[in-house]
Amino acid sequence: MLKRLIARLFWFFSRWRLTAEATPTRPTILIGAPHTSNWDFVLMLAIAWRLGIEVHWLGKSSLFRGWRGPIMRRLGGIPVDRSDPARVVNDVVAQVHTGGVFGLVITPDGTRGGNAYWKSGFYRIARETGMPVTLGFVDRTTMTTGLGPTLELSGDVPADMDRIRAFYADKAGLRPERRAVPRLREEVAGAAEA
């Protein structure tokens, strides 16, 4: 209840406009892109709280040290030990089987810019869990943010990524100079093998 109230106040006073094609009705991977600023985190929480979506997000384990740990977990954070990424997939699969509806927020392009490729973890987790992918976005040029379509991934990486690229083609992020084109290394590797 408090989260919804905070979100309503945020959207009332914000210059940003919230749009959503549909609210997920089952567990989904929620892509947050273009992820060009740490302010995207605030927008993600405001979207989720306003739409009533329970969200979890993956963060490097250092974010959960000390006094920040309980706060980050309360906001839906899941610490990731980069030396054991398989455990994250197992944890997500276990949560899917509980039957709750939630969005697992993953930002595959990072905030630092200069990335030639997106990280493919979102794709692997979606395929291994059977979860669809919901395309969340931030677009400074139109001052809109929210949720786009929800896609079922086919396993044909280039075809799936073509659909994702088409959606994000006109989305700029908060810091457009840091935007990375949605492309996975697996697409390049697959093309080289063909």
C-alpha atoms as a PDB file:
ATOM      1  CA  MET A   1       0.000   0.000   0.000  1.00  0.00           C
ATOM      2  CA  LEU A   2       2.794   2.423   0.920  1.00  0.00           C
ATOM      3  CA  LYS A   3       4.688   1.542  -2.275  1.00  0.00           C
ATOM      4  CA  ARG A   4       1.633   2.307  -4.411  1.00  0.00           C
ATOM      5  CA  LEU A   5       1.167   5.661  -2.641  1.00  0.00           C
ATOM      6  CA  ILE A   6       4.828   6.593  -3.169  1.00  0.00           C
ATOM      7  CA  ALA A   7       4.539   5.590  -6.838  1.00  0.00           C
ATOM      8  CA  ARG A   8       1.366   7.660  -7.352  1.00  0.00           C
ATOM      9  CA  LEU A   9       3.060  10.714  -5.874  1.00  0.00           C
ATOM     10  CA  PHE A  10       6.132  10.116  -8.037  1.00  0.00           C
ATOM     11  CA  TRP A  11       4.088   9.910 -11.250  1.00  0.00           C
ATOM     12  CA  PHE A  12       1.935  12.903 -10.279  1.00  0.00           C
ATOM     13  CA  PHE A  13       4.965  15.176  -9.867  1.00  0.00           C
ATOM     14  CA  SER A  14       7.263  13.589 -12.452  1.00  0.00           C
ATOM     15  CA  ARG A  15       7.945  14.975 -15.918  1.00  0.00           C
ATOM     16  CA  TRP A  16       8.062  11.334 -17.077  1.00  0.00           C
ATOM     17  CA  ARG A  17       5.012   9.614 -18.531  1.00  0.00           C
ATOM     18  CA  LEU A  18       4.317   5.954 -17.757  1.00  0.00           C
ATOM     19  CA  THR A  19       3.085   3.689 -20.546  1.00  0.00           C
ATOM     20  CA  ALA A  20       2.488  -0.053 -20.448  1.00  0.00           C
ATOM     21  CA  GLU A  21       1.211  -2.432 -23.099  1.00  0.00           C
ATOM     22  CA  ALA A  22       0.154  -4.949 -20.448  1.00  0.00           C
ATOM     23  CA  THR A  23       1.067  -5.939 -16.913  1.00  0.00           C
ATOM     24  CA  PRO A  24       2.634  -9.410 -16.752  1.00  0.00           C
ATOM     25  CA  THR A  25       0.319 -12.154 -15.505  1.00  0.00           C
ATOM     26  CA  ARG A  26       3.053 -14.731 -14.894  1.00  0.00           C
ATOM     27  CA  PRO A  27       6.727 -14.657 -13.912  1.00  0.00           C
ATOM     28  CA  THR A  28       8.721 -12.764 -16.538  1.00  0.00           C
ATOM     29  CA  ILE A  29      12.231 -11.550 -17.245  1.00  0.00           C
ATOM     30  CA  LEU A  30      11.851  -7.774 -17.270  1.00  0.00           C
ATOM     31  CA  ILE A  31      14.563  -6.177 -19.385  1.00  0.00           C
ATOM     32  CA  GLY A  32      15.509  -2.667 -18.304  1.00  0.00           C
ATOM     33  CA  ALA A  33      17.010  -0.865 -21.306  1.00  0.00           C
ATOM     34  CA  PRO A  34      18.620   1.273 -22.458  1.00  0.00           C
ATOM     35  CA  HIS A  35      20.276   1.209 -19.043  1.00  0.00           C
ATOM     36  CA  THR A  36      22.437   4.324 -19.223  1.00  0.00           C
ATOM     37  CA  SER A  37      22.103   5.812 -15.743  1.00  0.00           C
ATOM     38  CA  ASN A  38      21.705   4.654 -12.157  1.00  0.00           C
ATOM     39  CA  TRP A  39      18.527   6.798 -12.067  1.00  0.00           C
ATOM     40  CA  ASP A  40      16.946   3.983 -14.128  1.00  0.00           C
ATOM     41  CA  PHE A  41      16.651   2.118 -10.817  1.00  0.00           C
ATOM     42  CA  VAL A  42      14.291   4.772  -9.430  1.00  0.00           C
ATOM     43  CA  LEU A  43      12.179   4.660 -12.593  1.00  0.00           C
ATOM     44  CA  MET A  44      12.059   0.848 -12.446  1.00  0.00           C
ATOM     45  CA  LEU A  45      10.760   0.894  -8.871  1.00  0.00           C
ATOM     46  CA  ALA A  46       8.212   3.598  -9.737  1.00  0.00           C
ATOM     47  CA  ILE A  47       6.935   1.546 -12.699  1.00  0.00           C
ATOM     48  CA  ALA A  48       6.706  -1.671 -10.692  1.00  0.00           C
ATOM     49  CA  TRP A  49       5.079  -0.091  -7.646  1.00  0.00           C
ATOM     50  CA  ARG A  50       2.539   1.819  -9.750  1.00  0.00           C
ATOM     51  CA  LEU A  51       1.571  -1.275 -11.767  1.00  0.00           C
ATOM     52  CA  GLY A  52       1.598  -3.551  -8.716  1.00  0.00           C
ATOM     53  CA  ILE A  53       4.357  -5.827 -10.038  1.00  0.00           C
ATOM     54  CA  GLU A  54       6.540  -7.624  -7.537  1.00  0.00           C
ATOM     55  CA  VAL A  55      10.067  -7.155  -8.831  1.00  0.00           C
ATOM     56  CA  HIS A  56      13.358  -8.772  -8.076  1.00  0.00           C
ATOM     57  CA  TRP A  57      16.617  -7.611  -9.560  1.00  0.00           C
ATOM     58  CA  LEU A  58      20.122  -8.964  -9.769  1.00  0.00           C
ATOM     59  CA  GLY A  59      22.961  -6.947  -8.294  1.00  0.00           C
ATOM     60  CA  LYS A  60      26.623  -7.531  -7.643  1.00  0.00           C
ATOM     61  CA  SER A  61      27.161  -8.910  -4.152  1.00  0.00           C
ATOM     62  CA  SER A  62      29.139  -5.826  -3.052  1.00  0.00           C
ATOM     63  CA  LEU A  63      25.880  -3.792  -3.134  1.00  0.00           C
ATOM     64  CA  PHE A  64      24.539  -5.969  -0.313  1.00  0.00           C
ATOM     65  CA  ARG A  65      27.360  -5.464   2.188  1.00  0.00           C
ATOM     66  CA  GLY A  66      26.852  -3.690   5.498  1.00  0.00           C
ATOM     67  CA  TRP A  67      23.868  -1.449   6.155  1.00  0.00           C
ATOM     68  CA  ARG A  68      22.814  -1.486   2.474  1.00  0.00           C
ATOM     69  CA  GLY A  69      22.103  -5.226   2.453  1.00  0.00           C
ATOM     70  CA  PRO A  70      18.719  -5.211   4.223  1.00  0.00           C
ATOM     71  CA  ILE A  71      17.554  -2.182   2.208  1.00  0.00           C
ATOM     72  CA  MET A  72      18.576  -3.703  -1.133  1.00  0.00           C
ATOM     73  CA  ARG A  73      16.881  -7.013  -0.283  1.00  0.00           C
ATOM     74  CA  ARG A  74      13.711  -5.196   0.806  1.00  0.00           C
ATOM     75  CA  LEU A  75      13.664  -3.444  -2.577  1.00  0.00           C
ATOM     76  CA  GLY A  76      13.786  -6.850  -4.313  1.00  0.00           C
ATOM     77  CA  GLY A  77      17.535  -7.247  -4.740  1.00  0.00           C
ATOM     78  CA  ILE A  78      19.174 -10.633  -5.204  1.00  0.00           C
ATOM     79  CA  PRO A  79      22.942 -10.623  -4.635  1.00  0.00           C
ATOM     80  CA  VAL A  80      24.870 -12.321  -7.427  1.00  0.00           C
ATOM     81  CA  ASP A  81      28.122 -14.109  -6.765  1.00  0.00           C
ATOM     82  CA  ARG A  82      29.779 -13.766 -10.165  1.00  0.00           C
ATOM     83  CA  SER A  83      31.900 -16.837  -9.426  1.00  0.00           C
ATOM     84  CA  ASP A  84      28.717 -19.011  -9.280  1.00  0.00           C
ATOM     85  CA  PRO A  85      26.208 -17.707 -11.864  1.00  0.00           C
ATOM     86  CA  ALA A  86      24.476 -21.110 -12.209  1.00  0.00           C
ATOM     87  CA  ARG A  87      23.086 -20.722  -8.689  1.00  0.00           C
ATOM     88  CA  VAL A  88      21.133 -17.643  -9.794  1.00  0.00           C
ATOM     89  CA  VAL A  89      19.304 -19.650 -12.485  1.00  0.00           C
ATOM     90  CA  ASN A  90      18.480 -22.388  -9.947  1.00  0.00           C
ATOM     91  CA  ASP A  91      17.125 -19.794  -7.492  1.00  0.00           C
ATOM     92  CA  VAL A  92      14.947 -18.228 -10.203  1.00  0.00           C
ATOM     93  CA  VAL A  93      13.607 -21.644 -11.286  1.00  0.00           C
ATOM     94  CA  ALA A  94      12.676 -22.425  -7.665  1.00  0.00           C
ATOM     95  CA  GLN A  95      10.833 -19.116  -7.385  1.00  0.00           C
ATOM     96  CA  VAL A  96       8.933 -19.728 -10.653  1.00  0.00           C
ATOM     97  CA  HIS A  97       7.687 -23.037  -9.238  1.00  0.00           C
ATOM     98  CA  THR A  98       6.172 -21.295  -6.205  1.00  0.00           C
ATOM     99  CA  GLY A  99       3.502 -19.883  -8.531  1.00  0.00           C
ATOM    100  CA  GLY A 100       3.884 -16.193  -7.662  1.00  0.00           C
ATOM    101  CA  VAL A 101       3.859 -13.504 -10.348  1.00  0.00           C
ATOM    102  CA  PHE A 102       6.996 -11.406 -10.389  1.00  0.00           C
ATOM    103  CA  GLY A 103       9.350  -9.635 -12.746  1.00  0.00           C
ATOM    104  CA  LEU A 104      13.036 -10.436 -12.626  1.00  0.00           C
ATOM    105  CA  VAL A 105      14.635  -7.169 -13.741  1.00  0.00           C
ATOM    106  CA  ILE A 106      17.832  -7.573 -15.725  1.00  0.00           C
ATOM    107  CA  THR A 107      19.752  -4.723 -17.327  1.00  0.00           C
ATOM    108  CA  PRO A 108      21.835  -6.435 -20.007  1.00  0.00           C
ATOM    109  CA  ASP A 109      23.639  -3.385 -21.374  1.00  0.00           C
ATOM    110  CA  GLY A 110      25.076  -1.719 -18.263  1.00  0.00           C
ATOM    111  CA  THR A 111      25.533   1.973 -17.463  1.00  0.00           C
ATOM    112  CA  ARG A 112      29.132   2.554 -18.441  1.00  0.00           C
ATOM    113  CA  GLY A 113      28.726   2.733 -22.218  1.00  0.00           C
ATOM    114  CA  GLY A 114      31.170   1.509 -24.796  1.00  0.00           C
ATOM    115  CA  ASN A 115      29.673  -1.985 -24.661  1.00  0.00           C
ATOM    116  CA  ALA A 116      29.636  -3.674 -28.046  1.00  0.00           C
ATOM    117  CA  TYR A 117      27.334  -6.444 -26.801  1.00  0.00           C
ATOM    118  CA  TRP A 118      24.577  -6.993 -24.280  1.00  0.00           C
ATOM    119  CA  LYS A 119      25.203  -9.620 -21.622  1.00  0.00           C
ATOM    120  CA  SER A 120      23.245 -12.756 -22.539  1.00  0.00           C
ATOM    121  CA  GLY A 121      22.231 -13.819 -19.016  1.00  0.00           C
ATOM    122  CA  PHE A 122      18.640 -12.634 -19.526  1.00  0.00           C
ATOM    123  CA  TYR A 123      18.344 -14.844 -22.611  1.00  0.00           C
ATOM    124  CA  ARG A 124      19.793 -17.933 -20.922  1.00  0.00           C
ATOM    125  CA  ILE A 125      17.618 -17.510 -17.822  1.00  0.00           C
ATOM    126  CA  ALA A 126      14.475 -17.027 -19.947  1.00  0.00           C
ATOM    127  CA  ARG A 127      15.203 -20.126 -22.019  1.00  0.00           C
ATOM    128  CA  GLU A 128      16.138 -22.312 -19.028  1.00  0.00           C
ATOM    129  CA  THR A 129      13.117 -21.284 -16.950  1.00  0.00           C
ATOM    130  CA  GLY A 130      10.562 -20.969 -19.762  1.00  0.00           C
ATOM    131  CA  MET A 131       9.870 -17.392 -18.671  1.00  0.00           C
ATOM    132  CA  PRO A 132       8.854 -14.809 -21.286  1.00  0.00           C
ATOM    133  CA  VAL A 133      10.753 -11.541 -21.687  1.00  0.00           C
ATOM    134  CA  THR A 134       8.984  -8.211 -21.069  1.00  0.00           C
ATOM    135  CA  LEU A 135      10.671  -5.220 -22.670  1.00  0.00           C
ATOM    136  CA  GLY A 136      10.932  -2.377 -20.153  1.00  0.00           C
ATOM    137  CA  PHE A 137      12.266   0.908 -21.441  1.00  0.00           C
ATOM    138  CA  VAL A 138      13.405   4.463 -20.754  1.00  0.00           C
ATOM    139  CA  ASP A 139      13.205   7.019 -23.565  1.00  0.00           C
ATOM    140  CA  ARG A 140      14.438  10.506 -22.795  1.00  0.00           C
ATOM    141  CA  THR A 141      13.479  11.860 -26.223  1.00  0.00           C
ATOM    142  CA  THR A 142       9.762  11.350 -25.491  1.00  0.00           C
ATOM    143  CA  MET A 143      10.079  11.414 -21.669  1.00  0.00           C
ATOM    144  CA  THR A 144       8.287   8.068 -21.511  1.00  0.00           C
ATOM    145  CA  THR A 145       9.139   4.941 -19.609  1.00  0.00           C
ATOM    146  CA  GLY A 146       7.302   1.725 -18.955  1.00  0.00           C
ATOM    147  CA  LEU A 147       6.621  -1.703 -20.362  1.00  0.00           C
ATOM    148  CA  GLY A 148       6.525  -2.739 -23.987  1.00  0.00           C
ATOM    149  CA  PRO A 149       5.542  -6.140 -25.338  1.00  0.00           C
ATOM    150  CA  THR A 150       6.131  -9.486 -23.652  1.00  0.00           C
ATOM    151  CA  LEU A 151       7.901 -11.971 -25.930  1.00  0.00           C
ATOM    152  CA  GLU A 152       8.292 -15.734 -25.835  1.00  0.00           C
ATOM    153  CA  LEU A 153      11.848 -16.515 -26.935  1.00  0.00           C
ATOM    154  CA  SER A 154      12.141 -19.143 -29.662  1.00  0.00           C
ATOM    155  CA  GLY A 155      15.754 -20.191 -29.180  1.00  0.00           C
ATOM    156  CA  ASP A 156      16.647 -18.680 -32.569  1.00  0.00           C
ATOM    157  CA  VAL A 157      18.955 -16.039 -31.093  1.00  0.00           C
ATOM    158  CA  PRO A 158      19.279 -13.763 -34.156  1.00  0.00           C
ATOM    159  CA  ALA A 159      15.504 -13.790 -34.825  1.00  0.00           C
ATOM    160  CA  ASP A 160      14.656 -13.127 -31.173  1.00  0.00           C
ATOM    161  CA  MET A 161      17.212 -10.337 -30.974  1.00  0.00           C
ATOM    162  CA  ASP A 162      15.876  -8.793 -34.208  1.00  0.00           C
ATOM    163  CA  ARG A 163      12.490  -8.382 -32.469  1.00  0.00           C
ATOM    164  CA  ILE A 164      14.188  -6.885 -29.396  1.00  0.00           C
ATOM    165  CA  ARG A 165      16.334  -4.548 -31.538  1.00  0.00           C
ATOM    166  CA  ALA A 166      13.262  -3.354 -33.442  1.00  0.00           C
ATOM    167  CA  PHE A 167      11.537  -2.380 -30.191  1.00  0.00           C
ATOM    168  CA  TYR A 168      14.559  -0.545 -28.736  1.00  0.00           C
ATOM    169  CA  ALA A 169      15.622   1.115 -32.020  1.00  0.00           C
ATOM    170  CA  ASP A 170      14.046   4.468 -31.102  1.00  0.00           C
ATOM    171  CA  LYS A 171      14.644   4.358 -27.313  1.00  0.00           C
ATOM    172  CA  ALA A 172      17.444   6.647 -26.127  1.00  0.00           C
ATOM    173  CA  GLY A 173      17.833   6.139 -22.367  1.00  0.00           C
ATOM    174  CA  LEU A 174      18.673   8.924 -19.918  1.00  0.00           C
ATOM    175  CA  ARG A 175      22.202   9.303 -21.292  1.00  0.00           C
ATOM    176  CA  PRO A 176      21.926   8.493 -25.000  1.00  0.00           C
ATOM    177  CA  GLU A 177      25.689   8.517 -25.538  1.00  0.00           C
ATOM    178  CA  ARG A 178      25.926   5.401 -23.339  1.00  0.00           C
ATOM    179  CA  ARG A 179      23.314   3.412 -25.241  1.00  0.00           C
ATOM    180  CA  ALA A 180      24.371   0.018 -26.602  1.00  0.00           C
ATOM    181  CA  VAL A 181      22.665  -1.632 -29.569  1.00  0.00           C
ATOM    182  CA  PRO A 182      20.899  -4.832 -28.420  1.00  0.00           C
ATOM    183  CA  ARG A 183      23.273  -7.493 -29.762  1.00  0.00           C
ATOM    184  CA  LEU A 184      24.589 -10.695 -28.190  1.00  0.00           C
ATOM    185  CA  ARG A 185      27.993 -12.286 -28.798  1.00  0.00           C
ATOM    186  CA  GLU A 186      26.104 -15.501 -29.548  1.00  0.00           C
ATOM    187  CA  GLU A 187      24.669 -13.879 -32.678  1.00  0.00           C
ATOM    188  CA  VAL A 188      28.128 -13.177 -34.038  1.00  0.00           C
ATOM    189  CA  ALA A 189      29.371 -16.643 -33.053  1.00  0.00           C
ATOM    190  CA  GLY A 190      26.309 -18.262 -34.679  1.00  0.00           C
ATOM    191  CA  ALA A 191      26.831 -16.304 -37.899  1.00  0.00           C
ATOM    192  CA  ALA A 192      30.522 -17.293 -38.015  1.00  0.00           C
ATOM    193  CA  GLU A 193      29.613 -20.986 -37.653  1.00  0.00           C
ATOM    194  CA  ALA A 194      26.984 -20.852 -40.425  1.00  0.00           C
END
